[in-house]
Amino acid sequence: MIALIQTIVMALDIYWWIIIASAIFSWLYAFNVVNSRNQFVGSVGNMLYRLTEPALRPIRRFMPDLGGIDISPIILLLIIFFIRQFLVTTVWSWVVTGG
C-alpha cells in the first residue's frame, strides 16, 4: 500500500511540473518569445495542451470571467497540493499505523 501511495504522489509531482511548464509556455507563446511557426515548438505546445486541458477545462467552466486572466492552473495546483498533502499526512499514517 505504501508503494501505491508513493507512486500516486510521484505522479502528482510530475503533473505539477507539467502544469507549470504549460503556463510558462503559454506566456512565452502569447508574447511571441518562441517562434510559433517552428514545428518543435508547436509539438511541445500541443503536448502540454493535451496533457493539461482535460484537468483545466472543468475548472474554467466554473470560474467567472476575469478579463483575460486565467487562474485555473493556480486552482489546479492548489487541488493537487491538497490531494498530495492528504495522501502524505492522513492516508500514509493510516497505512503505517494499521487503521
N, C-alpha and C. Protein backbone atom coordinates (compact mmCIF):
# COMPACT_ATOMS: atom_id res chain seq x y z
N MET A 1 0.82 -1.19 0.00
CA MET A 1 0.00 0.00 0.00
C MET A 1 0.87 1.27 0.00
N ILE A 2 1.99 1.23 0.69
CA ILE A 2 2.88 2.39 0.73
C ILE A 2 3.44 2.67 -0.67
N ALA A 3 3.75 1.62 -1.42
CA ALA A 3 4.27 1.80 -2.77
C ALA A 3 3.23 2.47 -3.66
N LEU A 4 1.97 2.13 -3.47
CA LEU A 4 0.90 2.76 -4.25
C LEU A 4 0.79 4.25 -3.92
N ILE A 5 0.85 4.58 -2.64
CA ILE A 5 0.78 5.99 -2.23
C ILE A 5 1.98 6.76 -2.79
N GLN A 6 3.17 6.18 -2.72
CA GLN A 6 4.35 6.85 -3.25
C GLN A 6 4.25 7.05 -4.76
N THR A 7 3.69 6.08 -5.46
CA THR A 7 3.53 6.20 -6.90
C THR A 7 2.54 7.31 -7.25
N ILE A 8 1.45 7.38 -6.52
CA ILE A 8 0.47 8.44 -6.76
C ILE A 8 1.06 9.80 -6.46
N VAL A 9 1.81 9.92 -5.37
CA VAL A 9 2.45 11.19 -5.02
C VAL A 9 3.45 11.59 -6.10
N MET A 10 4.21 10.64 -6.63
CA MET A 10 5.17 10.95 -7.68
C MET A 10 4.44 11.39 -8.96
N ALA A 11 3.34 10.74 -9.30
CA ALA A 11 2.57 11.14 -10.48
C ALA A 11 2.01 12.54 -10.30
N LEU A 12 1.54 12.86 -9.10
CA LEU A 12 1.05 14.21 -8.82
C LEU A 12 2.17 15.23 -8.93
N ASP A 13 3.36 14.88 -8.46
CA ASP A 13 4.51 15.79 -8.56
C ASP A 13 4.89 16.04 -10.01
N ILE A 14 4.88 15.01 -10.83
CA ILE A 14 5.20 15.17 -12.26
C ILE A 14 4.15 16.03 -12.94
N TYR A 15 2.87 15.80 -12.63
CA TYR A 15 1.80 16.58 -13.23
C TYR A 15 1.87 18.04 -12.78
N TRP A 16 2.32 18.26 -11.54
CA TRP A 16 2.53 19.62 -11.02
C TRP A 16 3.46 20.39 -11.94
N TRP A 17 4.60 19.76 -12.29
CA TRP A 17 5.58 20.43 -13.14
C TRP A 17 5.09 20.58 -14.57
N ILE A 18 4.27 19.66 -15.04
CA ILE A 18 3.69 19.78 -16.38
C ILE A 18 2.76 20.99 -16.45
N ILE A 19 1.99 21.21 -15.40
CA ILE A 19 1.09 22.38 -15.35
C ILE A 19 1.90 23.66 -15.35
N ILE A 20 2.96 23.72 -14.57
CA ILE A 20 3.81 24.91 -14.53
C ILE A 20 4.47 25.14 -15.89
N ALA A 21 4.96 24.07 -16.52
CA ALA A 21 5.57 24.20 -17.85
C ALA A 21 4.55 24.70 -18.86
N SER A 22 3.33 24.22 -18.77
CA SER A 22 2.28 24.65 -19.69
C SER A 22 1.95 26.13 -19.50
N ALA A 23 1.89 26.58 -18.26
CA ALA A 23 1.61 28.00 -18.00
C ALA A 23 2.74 28.88 -18.54
N ILE A 24 3.97 28.49 -18.28
CA ILE A 24 5.12 29.26 -18.77
C ILE A 24 5.15 29.26 -20.30
N PHE A 25 4.88 28.11 -20.90
CA PHE A 25 4.88 28.04 -22.36
C PHE A 25 3.78 28.93 -22.95
N SER A 26 2.62 28.96 -22.31
CA SER A 26 1.54 29.79 -22.84
C SER A 26 1.91 31.27 -22.77
N TRP A 27 2.64 31.68 -21.73
CA TRP A 27 3.11 33.07 -21.65
C TRP A 27 4.12 33.35 -22.75
N LEU A 28 5.07 32.44 -22.93
CA LEU A 28 6.08 32.63 -23.98
C LEU A 28 5.44 32.69 -25.36
N TYR A 29 4.44 31.86 -25.57
CA TYR A 29 3.74 31.83 -26.85
C TYR A 29 2.93 33.11 -27.05
N ALA A 30 2.26 33.56 -26.00
CA ALA A 30 1.41 34.75 -26.11
C ALA A 30 2.22 36.01 -26.38
N PHE A 31 3.42 36.09 -25.83
CA PHE A 31 4.25 37.28 -26.00
C PHE A 31 5.26 37.13 -27.13
N ASN A 32 5.09 36.12 -27.99
CA ASN A 32 5.94 35.87 -29.15
C ASN A 32 7.42 35.75 -28.79
N VAL A 33 7.70 35.13 -27.67
CA VAL A 33 9.09 34.86 -27.30
C VAL A 33 9.58 33.63 -28.04
N VAL A 34 8.70 32.65 -28.24
CA VAL A 34 9.05 31.46 -29.01
C VAL A 34 8.44 31.59 -30.40
N ASN A 35 9.09 30.97 -31.37
CA ASN A 35 8.64 31.02 -32.75
C ASN A 35 7.45 30.08 -32.92
N SER A 36 6.29 30.63 -33.15
CA SER A 36 5.08 29.81 -33.25
C SER A 36 5.04 28.97 -34.52
N ARG A 37 5.89 29.30 -35.50
CA ARG A 37 5.92 28.53 -36.75
C ARG A 37 6.87 27.35 -36.70
N ASN A 38 7.68 27.27 -35.66
CA ASN A 38 8.61 26.17 -35.50
C ASN A 38 7.84 24.88 -35.17
N GLN A 39 8.16 23.80 -35.87
CA GLN A 39 7.44 22.55 -35.68
C GLN A 39 7.65 21.97 -34.28
N PHE A 40 8.87 22.08 -33.75
CA PHE A 40 9.15 21.57 -32.42
C PHE A 40 8.37 22.35 -31.36
N VAL A 41 8.33 23.66 -31.49
CA VAL A 41 7.58 24.50 -30.55
C VAL A 41 6.10 24.14 -30.61
N GLY A 42 5.59 23.93 -31.80
CA GLY A 42 4.19 23.53 -31.95
C GLY A 42 3.91 22.18 -31.33
N SER A 43 4.84 21.25 -31.49
CA SER A 43 4.66 19.91 -30.90
C SER A 43 4.67 19.97 -29.37
N VAL A 44 5.58 20.76 -28.81
CA VAL A 44 5.65 20.90 -27.35
C VAL A 44 4.37 21.56 -26.83
N GLY A 45 3.93 22.61 -27.50
CA GLY A 45 2.71 23.29 -27.09
C GLY A 45 1.50 22.38 -27.17
N ASN A 46 1.42 21.61 -28.24
CA ASN A 46 0.30 20.68 -28.40
C ASN A 46 0.32 19.60 -27.32
N MET A 47 1.51 19.08 -27.00
CA MET A 47 1.63 18.06 -25.96
C MET A 47 1.19 18.63 -24.61
N LEU A 48 1.69 19.82 -24.26
CA LEU A 48 1.33 20.42 -22.98
C LEU A 48 -0.16 20.72 -22.92
N TYR A 49 -0.73 21.17 -24.01
CA TYR A 49 -2.16 21.45 -24.06
C TYR A 49 -2.97 20.18 -23.84
N ARG A 50 -2.59 19.11 -24.54
CA ARG A 50 -3.33 17.85 -24.41
C ARG A 50 -3.19 17.22 -23.02
N LEU A 51 -2.08 17.48 -22.35
CA LEU A 51 -1.89 16.93 -21.01
C LEU A 51 -2.63 17.72 -19.93
N THR A 52 -2.76 19.02 -20.12
CA THR A 52 -3.35 19.84 -19.07
C THR A 52 -4.81 20.22 -19.31
N GLU A 53 -5.25 20.30 -20.53
CA GLU A 53 -6.59 20.79 -20.81
C GLU A 53 -7.71 19.92 -20.21
N PRO A 54 -7.61 18.58 -20.20
CA PRO A 54 -8.69 17.80 -19.57
C PRO A 54 -8.89 18.12 -18.08
N ALA A 55 -7.85 18.50 -17.39
CA ALA A 55 -7.98 18.86 -15.97
C ALA A 55 -8.37 20.32 -15.79
N LEU A 56 -7.97 21.18 -16.71
CA LEU A 56 -8.25 22.61 -16.57
C LEU A 56 -9.65 22.99 -17.07
N ARG A 57 -10.18 22.25 -18.03
CA ARG A 57 -11.48 22.59 -18.63
C ARG A 57 -12.61 22.64 -17.61
N PRO A 58 -12.75 21.65 -16.71
CA PRO A 58 -13.84 21.74 -15.73
C PRO A 58 -13.69 22.91 -14.76
N ILE A 59 -12.46 23.26 -14.45
CA ILE A 59 -12.22 24.40 -13.56
C ILE A 59 -12.61 25.70 -14.26
N ARG A 60 -12.27 25.81 -15.53
CA ARG A 60 -12.59 27.03 -16.30
C ARG A 60 -14.10 27.21 -16.46
N ARG A 61 -14.83 26.09 -16.50
CA ARG A 61 -16.28 26.18 -16.64
C ARG A 61 -16.93 26.88 -15.46
N PHE A 62 -16.38 26.67 -14.25
CA PHE A 62 -16.97 27.25 -13.05
C PHE A 62 -16.36 28.59 -12.65
N MET A 63 -15.30 28.99 -13.30
CA MET A 63 -14.63 30.24 -12.96
C MET A 63 -15.35 31.42 -13.62
N PRO A 64 -15.47 32.53 -12.92
CA PRO A 64 -16.04 33.72 -13.57
C PRO A 64 -15.02 34.32 -14.54
N ASP A 65 -15.52 35.12 -15.47
CA ASP A 65 -14.65 35.78 -16.43
C ASP A 65 -13.84 36.86 -15.72
N LEU A 66 -12.53 36.74 -15.77
CA LEU A 66 -11.65 37.70 -15.10
C LEU A 66 -10.95 38.62 -16.08
N GLY A 67 -11.52 38.76 -17.26
CA GLY A 67 -10.96 39.70 -18.23
C GLY A 67 -9.67 39.24 -18.88
N GLY A 68 -9.58 38.00 -19.25
CA GLY A 68 -8.40 37.50 -19.93
C GLY A 68 -7.34 36.91 -19.03
N ILE A 69 -7.55 36.96 -17.73
CA ILE A 69 -6.61 36.35 -16.80
C ILE A 69 -7.11 34.96 -16.45
N ASP A 70 -6.29 33.98 -16.69
CA ASP A 70 -6.66 32.59 -16.44
C ASP A 70 -5.97 32.10 -15.17
N ILE A 71 -6.75 31.92 -14.11
CA ILE A 71 -6.17 31.43 -12.85
C ILE A 71 -6.49 29.95 -12.63
N SER A 72 -7.02 29.29 -13.63
CA SER A 72 -7.35 27.87 -13.48
C SER A 72 -6.11 27.01 -13.19
N PRO A 73 -4.91 27.30 -13.75
CA PRO A 73 -3.75 26.49 -13.36
C PRO A 73 -3.40 26.64 -11.87
N ILE A 74 -3.61 27.83 -11.32
CA ILE A 74 -3.33 28.02 -9.89
C ILE A 74 -4.30 27.21 -9.05
N ILE A 75 -5.56 27.20 -9.43
CA ILE A 75 -6.55 26.43 -8.69
C ILE A 75 -6.25 24.94 -8.80
N LEU A 76 -5.86 24.48 -9.99
CA LEU A 76 -5.49 23.08 -10.16
C LEU A 76 -4.27 22.72 -9.33
N LEU A 77 -3.29 23.61 -9.26
CA LEU A 77 -2.11 23.36 -8.42
C LEU A 77 -2.51 23.28 -6.95
N LEU A 78 -3.44 24.10 -6.51
CA LEU A 78 -3.92 24.02 -5.12
C LEU A 78 -4.64 22.71 -4.85
N ILE A 79 -5.43 22.25 -5.81
CA ILE A 79 -6.12 20.96 -5.66
C ILE A 79 -5.11 19.82 -5.59
N ILE A 80 -4.11 19.85 -6.46
CA ILE A 80 -3.07 18.81 -6.44
C ILE A 80 -2.31 18.86 -5.12
N PHE A 81 -2.00 20.06 -4.64
CA PHE A 81 -1.30 20.19 -3.35
C PHE A 81 -2.13 19.60 -2.23
N PHE A 82 -3.44 19.87 -2.22
CA PHE A 82 -4.31 19.33 -1.17
C PHE A 82 -4.34 17.80 -1.23
N ILE A 83 -4.51 17.24 -2.41
CA ILE A 83 -4.55 15.78 -2.55
C ILE A 83 -3.23 15.16 -2.11
N ARG A 84 -2.13 15.77 -2.51
CA ARG A 84 -0.81 15.25 -2.14
C ARG A 84 -0.62 15.29 -0.63
N GLN A 85 -0.95 16.41 -0.01
CA GLN A 85 -0.79 16.52 1.44
C GLN A 85 -1.72 15.56 2.17
N PHE A 86 -2.93 15.37 1.67
CA PHE A 86 -3.85 14.42 2.28
C PHE A 86 -3.28 13.01 2.21
N LEU A 87 -2.72 12.65 1.07
CA LEU A 87 -2.12 11.31 0.93
C LEU A 87 -0.92 11.15 1.86
N VAL A 88 -0.07 12.15 1.91
CA VAL A 88 1.16 12.04 2.68
C VAL A 88 0.89 12.06 4.18
N THR A 89 -0.03 12.89 4.63
CA THR A 89 -0.26 13.01 6.07
C THR A 89 -1.30 12.02 6.58
N THR A 90 -2.48 12.05 6.02
CA THR A 90 -3.59 11.26 6.56
C THR A 90 -3.53 9.80 6.13
N VAL A 91 -3.53 9.55 4.84
CA VAL A 91 -3.57 8.18 4.35
C VAL A 91 -2.31 7.43 4.73
N TRP A 92 -1.16 8.08 4.63
CA TRP A 92 0.10 7.44 4.99
C TRP A 92 0.08 6.99 6.46
N SER A 93 -0.41 7.85 7.35
CA SER A 93 -0.45 7.48 8.77
C SER A 93 -1.44 6.36 9.02
N TRP A 94 -2.56 6.32 8.28
CA TRP A 94 -3.49 5.20 8.42
C TRP A 94 -2.85 3.89 8.01
N VAL A 95 -2.06 3.95 6.93
CA VAL A 95 -1.42 2.72 6.44
C VAL A 95 -0.33 2.28 7.42
N VAL A 96 0.45 3.20 7.90
CA VAL A 96 1.57 2.84 8.79
C VAL A 96 1.07 2.32 10.13
N THR A 97 0.04 2.97 10.69
CA THR A 97 -0.48 2.54 11.99
C THR A 97 -1.43 1.35 11.88
N GLY A 98 -1.85 1.03 10.69
CA GLY A 98 -2.71 -0.12 10.51
C GLY A 98 -4.19 0.16 10.69
N GLY A 99 -4.58 1.39 10.53
CA GLY A 99 -6.01 1.66 10.58
C GLY A 99 -6.30 2.82 11.38
